[in-house]
Amino acid sequence: MPKIVDHHKQKQKLAEAAWRLIRRDGIESVTVRKVAEEAGISPGSMRYYFSSQSELFQFSMRLVSDRVYDRVAAIRFTGNPFEDAQTLLFELLPLDDERRAEMEVWTVFHLKALTDKGMQPLASQVYDETKRAVRMIIDALVENGFIKRSIDRNVESTMLFALIDGLALHRIMQPDKLSPDMMKNIVLQHLHALCK
C-alpha cells in the first residue's frame, strides 16, 4: 500500500528546517540542498513542495505568524483589562525558547521582505494586526477607567507598540543583557505609569 503523505505537515517540516538553518547559519545558508538535507528529504522532493526559495520563505514566514496567532487566540482572558493587557503583551515578547526562535526568524524574514516583494504583504499585515491589538489594549484600559480619557490613544498605542518591538529586538540581539524578567518588569512599569 502506498505511503500517504500529509503535504501540509511536510511543508511545515521544511519550513522548520529553514528556520533552524537561518538561526544557525543565517538566511544566506538557506538553499534547496541544505533545507532538504536539514529536513531529511531529497532535494528533488523539496521542489515538489516549493517551486522557489521565495515561496519557501513566504510559507515559513506565514507559519511563524500562524503560530503566534494561534497562541494569542488560545489565551483565556480574565476580564480584568489590566491583567489581560499584561497577558497579551507578554505573548508578543520572546520570553521563552520557542518565542525567541520565532522572533529571530520573523525578524530575518521581515528584513528579507524589504527586497522580496512576495513577502511584503504578510510583513505589512502582521505589523497592522499587531498595532491594532496594542491599540485595543489602550482602548480597553481607557474605556474601563484605568487610563484617563484625555490621553492621545494613537500616541500611547504607538509608544507601547514601539516598546514591545524594541524589547523583542534587544532580547534577540543581546540575550545576555535583557532577561525575560527584565522585559516583563519594563512592560509592567510602563502599564502602571500609563494607569496612574
Protein backbone atom coordinates (compact mmCIF):
# COMPACT_ATOMS: atom_id res chain seq x y z
CA MET A 1 0.00 0.00 0.00
CA PRO A 2 1.45 3.43 -0.93
CA LYS A 3 2.53 5.71 1.89
CA ILE A 4 0.13 8.62 2.47
CA VAL A 5 1.96 11.90 2.91
CA ASP A 6 0.42 14.89 4.69
CA HIS A 7 1.63 17.64 2.37
CA HIS A 8 0.95 20.47 4.80
CA LYS A 9 2.93 18.75 7.57
CA GLN A 10 5.75 18.08 5.13
CA LYS A 11 5.80 21.78 4.19
CA GLN A 12 5.89 22.67 7.89
CA LYS A 13 8.80 20.29 8.37
CA LEU A 14 10.68 22.02 5.55
CA ALA A 15 9.85 25.48 6.92
CA GLU A 16 11.13 24.46 10.35
CA ALA A 17 14.31 23.17 8.73
CA ALA A 18 14.71 26.58 7.07
CA TRP A 19 14.19 28.25 10.47
CA ARG A 20 16.95 26.13 12.01
CA LEU A 21 19.34 27.00 9.18
CA ILE A 22 18.51 30.70 9.47
CA ARG A 23 19.10 30.70 13.23
CA ARG A 24 22.30 28.67 12.97
CA ASP A 25 23.92 29.94 9.76
CA GLY A 26 21.94 32.96 8.51
CA ILE A 27 19.41 33.38 5.73
CA GLU A 28 22.14 33.16 3.08
CA SER A 29 22.57 29.50 4.01
CA VAL A 30 19.02 28.59 3.00
CA THR A 31 19.40 26.69 -0.25
CA VAL A 32 17.26 23.89 -1.62
CA ARG A 33 20.01 21.37 -0.98
CA LYS A 34 20.67 22.48 2.60
CA VAL A 35 16.99 22.68 3.59
CA ALA A 36 16.36 19.24 2.11
CA GLU A 37 19.38 17.85 3.97
CA GLU A 38 18.28 19.50 7.24
CA ALA A 39 14.77 18.08 6.83
CA GLY A 40 16.00 14.64 5.82
CA ILE A 41 14.47 14.53 2.33
CA SER A 42 15.88 14.56 -1.19
CA PRO A 43 16.42 17.91 -2.96
CA GLY A 44 14.13 16.66 -5.74
CA SER A 45 11.30 16.12 -3.26
CA MET A 46 11.74 19.64 -1.97
CA ARG A 47 10.87 21.10 -5.37
CA TYR A 48 7.55 19.25 -5.17
CA TYR A 49 6.57 21.39 -2.16
CA PHE A 50 8.15 24.74 -3.06
CA SER A 51 8.88 25.94 -6.57
CA SER A 52 11.23 28.70 -5.40
CA GLN A 53 13.18 29.94 -2.42
CA SER A 54 10.81 32.90 -2.17
CA GLU A 55 7.84 30.53 -1.93
CA LEU A 56 9.60 28.63 0.88
CA PHE A 57 10.33 31.91 2.69
CA GLN A 58 6.72 33.09 2.32
CA PHE A 59 5.37 29.82 3.71
CA SER A 60 7.94 29.85 6.53
CA MET A 61 7.08 33.44 7.42
CA ARG A 62 3.35 32.62 7.40
CA LEU A 63 3.99 29.64 9.68
CA VAL A 64 5.64 31.90 12.29
CA SER A 65 2.72 34.31 12.08
CA ASP A 66 0.15 31.50 12.36
CA ARG A 67 1.81 30.02 15.44
CA VAL A 68 1.83 33.35 17.25
CA TYR A 69 -1.78 33.99 16.20
CA ASP A 70 -2.85 30.53 17.44
CA ARG A 71 -1.19 31.13 20.81
CA VAL A 72 -2.85 34.52 21.19
CA ALA A 73 -6.23 33.06 20.17
CA ALA A 74 -5.86 30.38 22.86
CA ILE A 75 -5.37 32.91 25.68
CA ARG A 76 -8.04 32.67 28.35
CA PHE A 77 -8.63 36.28 29.31
CA THR A 78 -9.74 37.10 32.86
CA GLY A 79 -11.97 40.06 32.07
CA ASN A 80 -9.64 42.37 34.02
CA PRO A 81 -8.29 44.76 31.35
CA PHE A 82 -5.01 45.40 33.20
CA GLU A 83 -4.24 41.69 33.69
CA ASP A 84 -5.38 40.86 30.16
CA ALA A 85 -3.13 43.63 28.75
CA GLN A 86 -0.14 42.04 30.51
CA THR A 87 -1.03 38.57 29.25
CA LEU A 88 -1.37 39.70 25.63
CA LEU A 89 1.75 41.87 25.65
CA PHE A 90 3.83 39.11 27.24
CA GLU A 91 2.73 36.78 24.43
CA LEU A 92 4.32 39.19 21.93
CA LEU A 93 7.71 39.04 23.65
CA PRO A 94 10.43 36.35 23.29
CA LEU A 95 10.10 35.18 26.90
CA ASP A 96 10.96 31.52 26.24
CA ASP A 97 12.97 29.50 23.73
CA GLU A 98 10.03 28.89 21.39
CA ARG A 99 9.03 32.56 21.17
CA ARG A 100 12.65 33.63 20.91
CA ALA A 101 13.23 31.30 17.94
CA GLU A 102 10.07 32.59 16.28
CA MET A 103 11.08 36.20 16.87
CA GLU A 104 14.56 35.59 15.47
CA VAL A 105 13.31 34.10 12.22
CA TRP A 106 10.46 36.63 12.00
CA THR A 107 12.98 39.48 12.22
CA VAL A 108 15.13 37.93 9.50
CA PHE A 109 12.06 37.41 7.29
CA HIS A 110 10.90 40.96 7.95
CA LEU A 111 14.27 42.29 6.78
CA LYS A 112 14.16 39.99 3.75
CA ALA A 113 10.73 41.43 2.92
CA LEU A 114 12.44 44.76 2.19
CA THR A 115 13.75 43.23 -1.03
CA ASP A 116 11.37 40.28 -1.62
CA LYS A 117 8.07 41.71 -2.84
CA GLY A 118 6.33 38.37 -2.24
CA MET A 119 6.98 38.67 1.49
CA GLN A 120 5.96 42.33 1.83
CA PRO A 121 2.16 41.84 2.09
CA LEU A 122 2.47 39.44 5.03
CA ALA A 123 5.02 41.64 6.81
CA SER A 124 2.67 44.60 6.43
CA GLN A 125 -0.37 42.57 7.50
CA VAL A 126 1.26 41.30 10.69
CA TYR A 127 2.52 44.80 11.51
CA ASP A 128 -1.01 46.19 11.14
CA GLU A 129 -2.58 43.35 13.16
CA THR A 130 -0.10 43.78 16.00
CA LYS A 131 -0.60 47.53 16.04
CA ARG A 132 -4.39 47.00 16.17
CA ALA A 133 -4.01 44.57 19.09
CA VAL A 134 -1.94 47.11 21.02
CA ARG A 135 -4.49 49.83 20.23
CA MET A 136 -7.25 47.54 21.56
CA ILE A 137 -5.29 47.22 24.81
CA ILE A 138 -5.08 51.01 25.18
CA ASP A 139 -8.77 51.40 24.29
CA ALA A 140 -9.81 48.76 26.85
CA LEU A 141 -7.73 50.41 29.58
CA VAL A 142 -9.28 53.80 28.78
CA GLU A 143 -12.86 52.51 28.50
CA ASN A 144 -12.56 50.70 31.84
CA GLY A 145 -11.19 53.71 33.68
CA PHE A 146 -7.58 52.56 34.07
CA ILE A 147 -6.28 55.42 31.89
CA LYS A 148 -7.64 58.98 31.63
CA ARG A 149 -9.87 59.60 28.61
CA SER A 150 -7.86 62.73 27.78
CA ILE A 151 -4.81 60.80 26.55
CA ASP A 152 -3.97 60.60 22.88
CA ARG A 153 -4.76 56.95 22.17
CA ASN A 154 -2.85 56.93 18.87
CA VAL A 155 0.31 58.23 20.52
CA GLU A 156 0.04 55.88 23.51
CA SER A 157 -0.60 52.80 21.38
CA THR A 158 2.29 53.71 19.07
CA MET A 159 4.60 54.14 22.07
CA LEU A 160 3.52 50.82 23.59
CA PHE A 161 3.94 49.05 20.24
CA ALA A 162 7.43 50.55 19.88
CA LEU A 163 8.29 49.46 23.43
CA ILE A 164 7.25 45.85 22.73
CA ASP A 165 9.08 45.77 19.39
CA GLY A 166 12.19 47.33 20.91
CA LEU A 167 12.29 44.89 23.83
CA ALA A 168 11.82 41.93 21.48
CA LEU A 169 14.62 43.14 19.20
CA HIS A 170 17.00 43.80 22.09
CA ARG A 171 16.26 40.36 23.54
CA ILE A 172 17.13 38.54 20.32
CA MET A 173 20.15 40.73 19.56
CA GLN A 174 21.63 40.81 23.08
CA PRO A 175 20.00 37.95 25.04
CA ASP A 176 22.51 38.14 27.90
CA LYS A 177 21.70 41.78 28.54
CA LEU A 178 17.90 41.59 28.73
CA SER A 179 16.27 38.74 30.60
CA PRO A 180 12.62 37.69 30.34
CA ASP A 181 12.00 39.03 33.86
CA MET A 182 13.50 42.39 32.92
CA MET A 183 11.22 42.59 29.87
CA LYS A 184 8.17 41.77 31.98
CA ASN A 185 9.13 44.37 34.58
CA ILE A 186 9.62 47.06 31.94
CA VAL A 187 6.20 46.32 30.41
CA LEU A 188 4.56 46.35 33.85
CA GLN A 189 6.24 49.62 34.81
CA HIS A 190 5.05 51.18 31.56
CA LEU A 191 1.48 49.95 32.13
CA HIS A 192 1.49 51.20 35.73
CA ALA A 193 2.80 54.59 34.61
CA LEU A 194 0.04 54.78 31.97
CA CYS A 195 -2.62 53.90 34.51
CA LYS A 196 -1.60 56.48 37.14
